[in-house]
Amino acid sequence: MGKRWIAPILRAALVMALGVTLLGLPGAVLAADCEKQIAAAERLIAEVGEKIDALPDEDRRLAQRFLDDASNVLEHAKRTCENATDGVDRALASSRVMIAVGNARAAELVAELQ
């Protein structure tokens, strides 16, 4: 069976966690401080990046894919936040930050399962 089942399970957990997070936060909170959220997400991605360095190759590649996705989504969130013209744009940036954080947490989970 191998480790092929890990990725689908992690992705499902990520979707569930994001759903719970989004349902639990009011829109005003989502839109409030996308800059602060981005800074926190950058710190998390850096911390997780350090954790995965010691993983075996296969696990490190899986975790790195999650971190790469997190970084890409976070870059998009930064652009959206920087160019925001209203609360809707800031909320969109915040939601992208949450997706990036979810991907970083998935990478962290891969590291912790070892």
Protein backbone atom coordinates (compact mmCIF):
# COMPACT_ATOMS: atom_id res chain seq x y z
CA MET A 1 0.00 0.00 0.00
CA GLY A 2 2.87 2.39 0.74
CA LYS A 3 2.48 6.05 1.52
CA ARG A 4 0.24 6.94 -1.44
CA TRP A 5 -2.75 7.30 0.89
CA ILE A 6 -1.15 10.11 2.91
CA ALA A 7 -1.60 12.88 0.33
CA PRO A 8 -5.36 12.36 -0.20
CA ILE A 9 -5.94 12.17 3.55
CA LEU A 10 -3.93 15.34 4.16
CA ARG A 11 -5.78 17.18 1.40
CA ALA A 12 -9.15 16.10 2.84
CA ALA A 13 -8.07 17.24 6.32
CA LEU A 14 -6.94 20.56 4.85
CA VAL A 15 -10.30 21.15 3.17
CA MET A 16 -12.15 20.31 6.38
CA ALA A 17 -9.92 22.57 8.49
CA LEU A 18 -10.33 25.47 6.09
CA GLY A 19 -14.09 25.01 6.04
CA VAL A 20 -14.30 25.09 9.82
CA THR A 21 -12.01 28.12 9.96
CA LEU A 22 -13.97 30.05 7.36
CA LEU A 23 -17.31 29.25 8.97
CA GLY A 24 -16.08 30.34 12.38
CA LEU A 25 -14.78 33.79 11.45
CA PRO A 26 -16.94 36.80 10.62
CA GLY A 27 -16.21 38.64 7.38
CA ALA A 28 -14.93 41.73 9.15
CA VAL A 29 -12.22 39.68 10.87
CA LEU A 30 -11.21 38.12 7.56
CA ALA A 31 -10.80 41.50 5.92
CA ALA A 32 -9.24 43.39 8.82
CA ASP A 33 -5.50 42.82 8.68
CA CYS A 34 -4.36 40.97 5.60
CA GLU A 35 -0.86 42.43 6.05
CA LYS A 36 -0.52 40.93 9.54
CA GLN A 37 -1.93 37.63 8.35
CA ILE A 38 0.58 37.55 5.49
CA ALA A 39 3.48 38.22 7.85
CA ALA A 40 2.36 35.42 10.17
CA ALA A 41 1.98 33.03 7.23
CA GLU A 42 5.49 33.89 6.01
CA ARG A 43 6.89 33.06 9.45
CA LEU A 44 4.99 29.77 9.52
CA ILE A 45 6.22 28.77 6.06
CA ALA A 46 9.82 29.50 7.11
CA GLU A 47 9.46 27.50 10.34
CA VAL A 48 7.94 24.51 8.57
CA GLY A 49 10.62 24.73 5.88
CA GLU A 50 13.24 24.21 8.58
CA LYS A 51 11.33 21.24 10.01
CA ILE A 52 11.14 19.37 6.73
CA ASP A 53 14.86 19.60 5.94
CA ALA A 54 15.61 16.47 7.97
CA LEU A 55 12.84 14.33 6.44
CA PRO A 56 13.53 11.32 4.22
CA ASP A 57 13.48 12.18 0.50
CA GLU A 58 9.95 10.97 -0.33
CA ASP A 59 8.38 12.71 2.66
CA ARG A 60 10.42 15.86 2.11
CA ARG A 61 9.25 16.05 -1.51
CA LEU A 62 5.60 15.73 -0.43
CA ALA A 63 6.01 18.36 2.29
CA GLN A 64 7.88 20.64 -0.11
CA ARG A 65 5.00 20.45 -2.60
CA PHE A 66 2.66 21.69 0.12
CA LEU A 67 5.09 24.49 1.01
CA ASP A 68 5.52 25.46 -2.64
CA ASP A 69 1.74 25.70 -2.98
CA ALA A 70 1.62 27.75 0.23
CA SER A 71 4.25 30.17 -1.08
CA ASN A 72 2.54 30.57 -4.45
CA VAL A 73 -0.87 31.25 -2.91
CA LEU A 74 0.70 33.63 -0.40
CA GLU A 75 2.34 35.64 -3.20
CA HIS A 76 -1.07 35.99 -4.83
CA ALA A 77 -2.53 37.06 -1.47
CA LYS A 78 0.19 39.73 -1.12
CA ARG A 79 -0.63 41.20 -4.51
CA THR A 80 -4.34 41.18 -3.73
CA CYS A 81 -3.77 42.84 -0.35
CA GLU A 82 -1.41 45.48 -1.76
CA ASN A 83 -3.88 46.39 -4.51
CA ALA A 84 -7.03 46.15 -2.39
CA THR A 85 -9.55 48.88 -3.05
CA ASP A 86 -12.22 47.73 -0.62
CA GLY A 87 -13.07 45.24 2.09
CA VAL A 88 -13.99 42.56 -0.42
CA ASP A 89 -10.46 42.62 -1.88
CA ARG A 90 -8.96 42.45 1.61
CA ALA A 91 -11.26 39.55 2.50
CA LEU A 92 -10.17 37.76 -0.68
CA ALA A 93 -6.53 38.30 0.29
CA SER A 94 -7.26 36.97 3.79
CA SER A 95 -8.94 33.88 2.40
CA ARG A 96 -5.89 33.22 0.23
CA VAL A 97 -3.67 33.58 3.27
CA MET A 98 -5.77 30.94 5.02
CA ILE A 99 -5.30 28.58 2.09
CA ALA A 100 -1.54 29.17 2.25
CA VAL A 101 -1.55 28.50 6.00
CA GLY A 102 -3.52 25.30 5.40
CA ASN A 103 -0.92 24.10 2.93
CA ALA A 104 1.89 24.96 5.34
CA ARG A 105 0.10 23.06 8.12
CA ALA A 106 -0.27 20.06 5.78
CA ALA A 107 3.51 20.13 5.22
CA GLU A 108 3.97 20.33 8.98
CA LEU A 109 1.72 17.31 9.39
CA VAL A 110 3.88 15.32 6.99
CA ALA A 111 6.89 16.20 9.13
CA GLU A 112 5.13 15.25 12.36
CA LEU A 113 3.96 11.89 11.02
CA GLN A 114 7.59 10.80 10.72
